[in-house]
Amino acid sequence: MAYRVYEGERLVREVETDYAWRVLGERALREEVAEHGLTLTPTGPEDLGMYLIEEDTHV
C-alpha cells in the first residue's frame, strides 16, 4: 500500500508498506457497502483506489 502526501498537485512524500490483511476490489466493496445501505464513490487520484462511503439517501 502506498501513502502519498500532496501539496496541491505536487507529490511531496510517499511511503510504501505491506499489510497482512486482504483488500477488496471496487466491485466487491460496492456490493459490501450496499448491503448496509451505503454508497461508494471514487475520490482522489484514480491509481490510489480511494473511495468515499456515504449513506444511500435513495433507500
N, C-alpha and C. Protein backbone atom coordinates (compact mmCIF):
# COMPACT_ATOMS: atom_id res chain seq x y z
N MET A 1 0.84 -1.16 0.00
CA MET A 1 0.00 0.00 0.00
C MET A 1 0.89 1.23 0.00
N ALA A 2 0.49 2.23 -0.75
CA ALA A 2 1.26 3.47 -0.82
C ALA A 2 0.49 4.59 -0.13
N TYR A 3 1.18 5.31 0.73
CA TYR A 3 0.63 6.50 1.36
C TYR A 3 1.31 7.69 0.70
N ARG A 4 0.53 8.61 0.18
CA ARG A 4 1.08 9.76 -0.52
C ARG A 4 0.54 11.05 0.06
N VAL A 5 1.41 12.04 0.15
CA VAL A 5 1.03 13.37 0.63
C VAL A 5 1.23 14.34 -0.53
N TYR A 6 0.18 15.08 -0.83
CA TYR A 6 0.23 16.05 -1.92
C TYR A 6 0.07 17.46 -1.37
N GLU A 7 0.76 18.39 -1.98
CA GLU A 7 0.52 19.82 -1.78
C GLU A 7 0.01 20.30 -3.12
N GLY A 8 -1.32 20.49 -3.18
CA GLY A 8 -1.91 20.79 -4.48
C GLY A 8 -1.78 19.55 -5.36
N GLU A 9 -1.19 19.71 -6.52
CA GLU A 9 -0.97 18.60 -7.45
C GLU A 9 0.41 17.97 -7.28
N ARG A 10 1.25 18.54 -6.43
CA ARG A 10 2.64 18.09 -6.29
C ARG A 10 2.78 17.05 -5.18
N LEU A 11 3.34 15.89 -5.53
CA LEU A 11 3.63 14.84 -4.56
C LEU A 11 4.83 15.27 -3.72
N VAL A 12 4.66 15.33 -2.38
CA VAL A 12 5.75 15.78 -1.52
C VAL A 12 6.33 14.65 -0.68
N ARG A 13 5.58 13.54 -0.51
CA ARG A 13 6.10 12.41 0.26
C ARG A 13 5.33 11.16 -0.10
N GLU A 14 6.04 10.03 -0.11
CA GLU A 14 5.40 8.75 -0.38
C GLU A 14 6.07 7.67 0.47
N VAL A 15 5.25 6.84 1.10
CA VAL A 15 5.73 5.72 1.91
C VAL A 15 4.96 4.49 1.47
N GLU A 16 5.66 3.39 1.26
CA GLU A 16 5.00 2.14 0.89
C GLU A 16 5.17 1.11 2.00
N THR A 17 4.13 0.31 2.22
CA THR A 17 4.16 -0.73 3.25
C THR A 17 3.28 -1.89 2.83
N ASP A 18 3.40 -3.00 3.52
CA ASP A 18 2.57 -4.17 3.28
C ASP A 18 1.79 -4.51 4.53
N TYR A 19 0.60 -5.05 4.34
CA TYR A 19 -0.24 -5.47 5.45
C TYR A 19 -0.61 -6.93 5.30
N ALA A 20 -0.93 -7.58 6.40
CA ALA A 20 -1.26 -9.00 6.39
C ALA A 20 -2.74 -9.25 6.10
N TRP A 21 -3.53 -8.24 5.82
CA TRP A 21 -4.94 -8.47 5.52
C TRP A 21 -5.19 -8.31 4.02
N ARG A 22 -6.34 -8.78 3.61
CA ARG A 22 -6.72 -8.69 2.21
C ARG A 22 -7.55 -7.44 1.98
N VAL A 23 -7.49 -6.94 0.79
CA VAL A 23 -8.30 -5.78 0.42
C VAL A 23 -9.31 -6.20 -0.63
N LEU A 24 -10.40 -5.46 -0.72
CA LEU A 24 -11.45 -5.73 -1.69
C LEU A 24 -11.25 -4.90 -2.94
N GLY A 25 -11.63 -5.46 -4.07
CA GLY A 25 -11.69 -4.68 -5.29
C GLY A 25 -12.93 -3.80 -5.26
N GLU A 26 -13.03 -2.89 -6.21
CA GLU A 26 -14.15 -1.95 -6.21
C GLU A 26 -15.51 -2.66 -6.26
N ARG A 27 -15.63 -3.65 -7.10
CA ARG A 27 -16.93 -4.34 -7.23
C ARG A 27 -17.35 -4.99 -5.91
N ALA A 28 -16.44 -5.73 -5.28
CA ALA A 28 -16.76 -6.39 -4.02
C ALA A 28 -17.05 -5.37 -2.92
N LEU A 29 -16.28 -4.30 -2.88
CA LEU A 29 -16.51 -3.26 -1.88
C LEU A 29 -17.86 -2.60 -2.09
N ARG A 30 -18.22 -2.30 -3.34
CA ARG A 30 -19.51 -1.68 -3.66
C ARG A 30 -20.66 -2.59 -3.20
N GLU A 31 -20.54 -3.90 -3.44
CA GLU A 31 -21.57 -4.85 -3.02
C GLU A 31 -21.66 -4.92 -1.50
N GLU A 32 -20.51 -4.92 -0.84
CA GLU A 32 -20.47 -5.00 0.63
C GLU A 32 -21.14 -3.78 1.27
N VAL A 33 -20.80 -2.58 0.81
CA VAL A 33 -21.39 -1.38 1.43
C VAL A 33 -22.88 -1.25 1.10
N ALA A 34 -23.29 -1.71 -0.09
CA ALA A 34 -24.70 -1.64 -0.48
C ALA A 34 -25.57 -2.48 0.45
N GLU A 35 -25.03 -3.59 0.94
CA GLU A 35 -25.77 -4.44 1.88
C GLU A 35 -26.11 -3.71 3.18
N HIS A 36 -25.40 -2.62 3.44
CA HIS A 36 -25.59 -1.85 4.67
C HIS A 36 -26.20 -0.48 4.41
N GLY A 37 -26.80 -0.30 3.19
CA GLY A 37 -27.45 0.96 2.87
C GLY A 37 -26.48 2.10 2.60
N LEU A 38 -25.29 1.77 2.11
CA LEU A 38 -24.27 2.77 1.85
C LEU A 38 -23.92 2.80 0.36
N THR A 39 -23.35 3.91 -0.09
CA THR A 39 -22.90 4.04 -1.47
C THR A 39 -21.39 4.25 -1.50
N LEU A 40 -20.82 3.97 -2.65
CA LEU A 40 -19.37 4.06 -2.84
C LEU A 40 -19.10 5.00 -4.00
N THR A 41 -18.27 6.03 -3.77
CA THR A 41 -17.92 6.99 -4.81
C THR A 41 -16.41 7.12 -4.87
N PRO A 42 -15.82 6.91 -6.07
CA PRO A 42 -14.37 7.10 -6.19
C PRO A 42 -13.98 8.54 -5.85
N THR A 43 -12.80 8.71 -5.24
CA THR A 43 -12.30 10.04 -4.90
C THR A 43 -10.77 10.02 -4.97
N GLY A 44 -10.17 11.16 -5.18
CA GLY A 44 -8.71 11.24 -5.22
C GLY A 44 -8.13 10.68 -6.50
N PRO A 45 -6.81 10.57 -6.58
CA PRO A 45 -6.15 10.04 -7.76
C PRO A 45 -6.61 8.59 -8.04
N GLU A 46 -6.97 8.31 -9.26
CA GLU A 46 -7.54 7.01 -9.62
C GLU A 46 -6.64 5.84 -9.25
N ASP A 47 -5.34 6.00 -9.39
CA ASP A 47 -4.42 4.89 -9.12
C ASP A 47 -4.30 4.54 -7.64
N LEU A 48 -4.85 5.37 -6.75
CA LEU A 48 -4.79 5.09 -5.31
C LEU A 48 -5.95 4.24 -4.83
N GLY A 49 -7.01 4.14 -5.63
CA GLY A 49 -8.16 3.32 -5.24
C GLY A 49 -8.85 3.80 -3.97
N MET A 50 -9.03 5.11 -3.85
CA MET A 50 -9.69 5.68 -2.67
C MET A 50 -11.17 5.89 -2.97
N TYR A 51 -12.01 5.67 -1.94
CA TYR A 51 -13.45 5.79 -2.11
C TYR A 51 -14.07 6.52 -0.93
N LEU A 52 -15.14 7.21 -1.20
CA LEU A 52 -15.95 7.86 -0.17
C LEU A 52 -17.16 6.97 0.06
N ILE A 53 -17.41 6.59 1.30
CA ILE A 53 -18.55 5.75 1.65
C ILE A 53 -19.54 6.61 2.42
N GLU A 54 -20.77 6.67 1.89
CA GLU A 54 -21.81 7.52 2.49
C GLU A 54 -23.13 6.76 2.58
N GLU A 55 -24.04 7.28 3.40
CA GLU A 55 -25.39 6.71 3.47
C GLU A 55 -26.07 6.89 2.12
N ASP A 56 -26.78 5.87 1.68
CA ASP A 56 -27.54 5.95 0.44
C ASP A 56 -28.87 6.63 0.75
N THR A 57 -29.05 7.84 0.27
CA THR A 57 -30.26 8.61 0.57
C THR A 57 -31.45 8.15 -0.26
N HIS A 58 -31.24 7.22 -1.20
CA HIS A 58 -32.32 6.73 -2.06
C HIS A 58 -32.92 5.42 -1.56
N VAL A 59 -32.51 4.99 -0.37
CA VAL A 59 -33.02 3.72 0.17
C VAL A 59 -34.26 3.97 0.96
